[in-house]
Amino acid sequence: ARSAPTMLRLAIVLALAEAAGSFELTPEGYAEILATNSPEKKEEFIETVVTQQLHGFVTSDVGLKSFAETAPA
C-alpha cells in the first residue's frame, strides 16, 4: 500500500504537469525532457508515463531516481 506522502506527491506531480501543459507523453516529449538535462524533469516524465499510460504506480522513490539517472536517451 502507498503511504499518504507518496500519494500526495504523485497527485501534486500530476496536477503540476497538467496545469503547466508540460511535455507530451510521446517520444518527442521525452526528447524535450532529455534536452533540459534535468534529472527531476526526467523523473516526473517517467512517473507520469507509469501512472497515466501504464496505469501503474511507483513503489520506490529511490528506484525511480536511480532509473531516471540511467534511463536511455
N, C-alpha and C. Protein backbone atom coordinates (compact mmCIF):
# COMPACT_ATOMS: atom_id res chain seq x y z
N ALA A 1 0.84 -1.19 0.00
CA ALA A 1 0.00 0.00 0.00
C ALA A 1 0.88 1.24 0.00
N ARG A 2 0.39 2.27 -0.61
CA ARG A 2 1.13 3.52 -0.70
C ARG A 2 0.91 4.36 0.55
N SER A 3 1.94 5.09 0.92
CA SER A 3 1.81 5.98 2.07
C SER A 3 1.13 7.27 1.63
N ALA A 4 0.58 7.98 2.59
CA ALA A 4 -0.09 9.24 2.30
C ALA A 4 0.86 10.26 1.64
N PRO A 5 2.11 10.41 2.14
CA PRO A 5 3.01 11.37 1.48
C PRO A 5 3.30 11.00 0.02
N THR A 6 3.42 9.71 -0.28
CA THR A 6 3.67 9.28 -1.65
C THR A 6 2.48 9.60 -2.53
N MET A 7 1.28 9.35 -2.04
CA MET A 7 0.07 9.65 -2.80
C MET A 7 -0.05 11.15 -3.04
N LEU A 8 0.25 11.93 -2.02
CA LEU A 8 0.18 13.38 -2.15
C LEU A 8 1.20 13.87 -3.17
N ARG A 9 2.41 13.34 -3.10
CA ARG A 9 3.44 13.74 -4.06
C ARG A 9 3.01 13.42 -5.48
N LEU A 10 2.46 12.24 -5.68
CA LEU A 10 2.00 11.84 -7.00
C LEU A 10 0.90 12.77 -7.49
N ALA A 11 -0.04 13.10 -6.63
CA ALA A 11 -1.12 14.00 -7.01
C ALA A 11 -0.59 15.37 -7.39
N ILE A 12 0.39 15.85 -6.64
CA ILE A 12 0.98 17.16 -6.93
C ILE A 12 1.72 17.13 -8.27
N VAL A 13 2.50 16.07 -8.50
CA VAL A 13 3.24 15.95 -9.76
C VAL A 13 2.28 15.96 -10.94
N LEU A 14 1.23 15.18 -10.85
CA LEU A 14 0.27 15.11 -11.95
C LEU A 14 -0.46 16.43 -12.14
N ALA A 15 -0.83 17.07 -11.04
CA ALA A 15 -1.52 18.36 -11.15
C ALA A 15 -0.61 19.41 -11.77
N LEU A 16 0.66 19.43 -11.38
CA LEU A 16 1.59 20.39 -11.95
C LEU A 16 1.82 20.13 -13.43
N ALA A 17 1.94 18.88 -13.79
CA ALA A 17 2.15 18.53 -15.20
C ALA A 17 0.96 18.97 -16.05
N GLU A 18 -0.24 18.74 -15.55
CA GLU A 18 -1.43 19.14 -16.30
C GLU A 18 -1.58 20.65 -16.33
N ALA A 19 -1.35 21.30 -15.21
CA ALA A 19 -1.53 22.75 -15.13
C ALA A 19 -0.51 23.50 -15.98
N ALA A 20 0.68 22.97 -16.04
CA ALA A 20 1.74 23.64 -16.78
C ALA A 20 1.68 23.32 -18.27
N GLY A 21 0.79 22.40 -18.65
CA GLY A 21 0.74 21.98 -20.04
C GLY A 21 2.09 21.43 -20.44
N SER A 22 2.70 20.68 -19.54
CA SER A 22 4.08 20.24 -19.74
C SER A 22 4.21 19.29 -20.91
N PHE A 23 5.32 18.69 -20.99
CA PHE A 23 5.70 17.86 -22.11
C PHE A 23 4.70 16.75 -22.41
N GLU A 24 4.53 16.51 -23.70
CA GLU A 24 3.63 15.44 -24.13
C GLU A 24 4.24 14.08 -23.81
N LEU A 25 3.37 13.12 -23.57
CA LEU A 25 3.82 11.76 -23.28
C LEU A 25 4.06 11.03 -24.59
N THR A 26 5.06 11.49 -25.30
CA THR A 26 5.43 10.94 -26.61
C THR A 26 6.95 10.84 -26.66
N PRO A 27 7.47 10.14 -27.67
CA PRO A 27 8.94 10.13 -27.82
C PRO A 27 9.51 11.54 -27.98
N GLU A 28 8.76 12.40 -28.66
CA GLU A 28 9.21 13.78 -28.83
C GLU A 28 9.24 14.52 -27.48
N GLY A 29 8.21 14.26 -26.67
CA GLY A 29 8.17 14.87 -25.34
C GLY A 29 9.33 14.41 -24.49
N TYR A 30 9.68 13.13 -24.60
CA TYR A 30 10.82 12.59 -23.85
C TYR A 30 12.11 13.25 -24.35
N ALA A 31 12.22 13.45 -25.65
CA ALA A 31 13.40 14.12 -26.21
C ALA A 31 13.52 15.54 -25.65
N GLU A 32 12.38 16.21 -25.50
CA GLU A 32 12.40 17.56 -24.92
C GLU A 32 12.87 17.52 -23.48
N ILE A 33 12.43 16.51 -22.74
CA ILE A 33 12.87 16.35 -21.35
C ILE A 33 14.37 16.14 -21.30
N LEU A 34 14.88 15.26 -22.16
CA LEU A 34 16.32 14.99 -22.18
C LEU A 34 17.11 16.27 -22.49
N ALA A 35 16.56 17.09 -23.37
CA ALA A 35 17.24 18.34 -23.75
C ALA A 35 17.35 19.32 -22.58
N THR A 36 16.47 19.21 -21.59
CA THR A 36 16.54 20.10 -20.43
C THR A 36 17.69 19.73 -19.51
N ASN A 37 18.18 18.49 -19.64
CA ASN A 37 19.26 17.98 -18.78
C ASN A 37 18.89 18.07 -17.30
N SER A 38 17.61 17.87 -17.01
CA SER A 38 17.10 17.96 -15.64
C SER A 38 16.69 16.57 -15.14
N PRO A 39 17.42 16.01 -14.18
CA PRO A 39 17.04 14.71 -13.62
C PRO A 39 15.63 14.73 -13.02
N GLU A 40 15.26 15.86 -12.42
CA GLU A 40 13.94 15.97 -11.81
C GLU A 40 12.83 15.90 -12.86
N LYS A 41 13.03 16.57 -13.98
CA LYS A 41 12.03 16.53 -15.05
C LYS A 41 11.93 15.12 -15.63
N LYS A 42 13.07 14.43 -15.74
CA LYS A 42 13.05 13.07 -16.25
C LYS A 42 12.29 12.15 -15.29
N GLU A 43 12.51 12.33 -14.00
CA GLU A 43 11.75 11.55 -13.01
C GLU A 43 10.25 11.81 -13.15
N GLU A 44 9.87 13.08 -13.26
CA GLU A 44 8.46 13.43 -13.38
C GLU A 44 7.85 12.81 -14.64
N PHE A 45 8.59 12.88 -15.75
CA PHE A 45 8.09 12.32 -17.00
C PHE A 45 7.88 10.81 -16.86
N ILE A 46 8.88 10.12 -16.33
CA ILE A 46 8.79 8.66 -16.19
C ILE A 46 7.64 8.29 -15.27
N GLU A 47 7.51 8.99 -14.15
CA GLU A 47 6.43 8.70 -13.21
C GLU A 47 5.06 8.95 -13.85
N THR A 48 4.96 10.00 -14.65
CA THR A 48 3.71 10.29 -15.33
C THR A 48 3.36 9.21 -16.34
N VAL A 49 4.35 8.74 -17.09
CA VAL A 49 4.11 7.66 -18.04
C VAL A 49 3.62 6.42 -17.30
N VAL A 50 4.28 6.09 -16.20
CA VAL A 50 3.88 4.90 -15.42
C VAL A 50 2.45 5.03 -14.93
N THR A 51 2.09 6.19 -14.41
CA THR A 51 0.75 6.33 -13.83
C THR A 51 -0.34 6.55 -14.87
N GLN A 52 -0.07 7.39 -15.87
CA GLN A 52 -1.13 7.72 -16.84
C GLN A 52 -1.22 6.73 -17.99
N GLN A 53 -0.10 6.29 -18.50
CA GLN A 53 -0.12 5.41 -19.67
C GLN A 53 -0.19 3.94 -19.29
N LEU A 54 0.53 3.57 -18.24
CA LEU A 54 0.57 2.16 -17.84
C LEU A 54 -0.39 1.84 -16.70
N HIS A 55 -1.01 2.89 -16.14
CA HIS A 55 -1.95 2.74 -15.03
C HIS A 55 -1.31 1.98 -13.86
N GLY A 56 -0.05 2.27 -13.65
CA GLY A 56 0.69 1.66 -12.54
C GLY A 56 1.03 2.71 -11.51
N PHE A 57 2.00 2.38 -10.68
CA PHE A 57 2.46 3.34 -9.69
C PHE A 57 3.90 3.03 -9.33
N VAL A 58 4.58 4.06 -8.89
CA VAL A 58 5.97 3.94 -8.48
C VAL A 58 6.00 3.53 -7.01
N THR A 59 6.68 2.45 -6.73
CA THR A 59 6.73 1.96 -5.35
C THR A 59 7.98 2.39 -4.60
N SER A 60 8.95 2.94 -5.32
CA SER A 60 10.19 3.35 -4.67
C SER A 60 10.69 4.64 -5.29
N ASP A 61 10.71 5.70 -4.50
CA ASP A 61 11.25 6.96 -4.99
C ASP A 61 12.74 6.84 -5.30
N VAL A 62 13.43 6.05 -4.49
CA VAL A 62 14.86 5.82 -4.72
C VAL A 62 15.06 5.06 -6.03
N GLY A 63 14.23 4.05 -6.28
CA GLY A 63 14.30 3.30 -7.52
C GLY A 63 14.00 4.18 -8.73
N LEU A 64 13.01 5.05 -8.59
CA LEU A 64 12.66 5.98 -9.68
C LEU A 64 13.83 6.90 -9.98
N LYS A 65 14.43 7.45 -8.93
CA LYS A 65 15.57 8.35 -9.10
C LYS A 65 16.72 7.63 -9.80
N SER A 66 17.02 6.42 -9.37
CA SER A 66 18.09 5.63 -9.97
C SER A 66 17.80 5.32 -11.44
N PHE A 67 16.57 4.93 -11.72
CA PHE A 67 16.19 4.63 -13.10
C PHE A 67 16.29 5.88 -13.97
N ALA A 68 15.81 7.01 -13.46
CA ALA A 68 15.85 8.25 -14.23
C ALA A 68 17.28 8.67 -14.55
N GLU A 69 18.19 8.40 -13.61
CA GLU A 69 19.59 8.75 -13.83
C GLU A 69 20.24 7.91 -14.92
N THR A 70 19.73 6.69 -15.13
CA THR A 70 20.34 5.78 -16.10
C THR A 70 19.42 5.45 -17.27
N ALA A 71 18.25 6.10 -17.33
CA ALA A 71 17.31 5.82 -18.40
C ALA A 71 17.92 6.12 -19.75
N PRO A 72 17.62 5.31 -20.74
CA PRO A 72 18.23 5.53 -22.06
C PRO A 72 17.79 6.84 -22.70
N ALA A 73 18.68 7.38 -23.46
CA ALA A 73 18.38 8.63 -24.17
C ALA A 73 17.75 8.33 -25.51
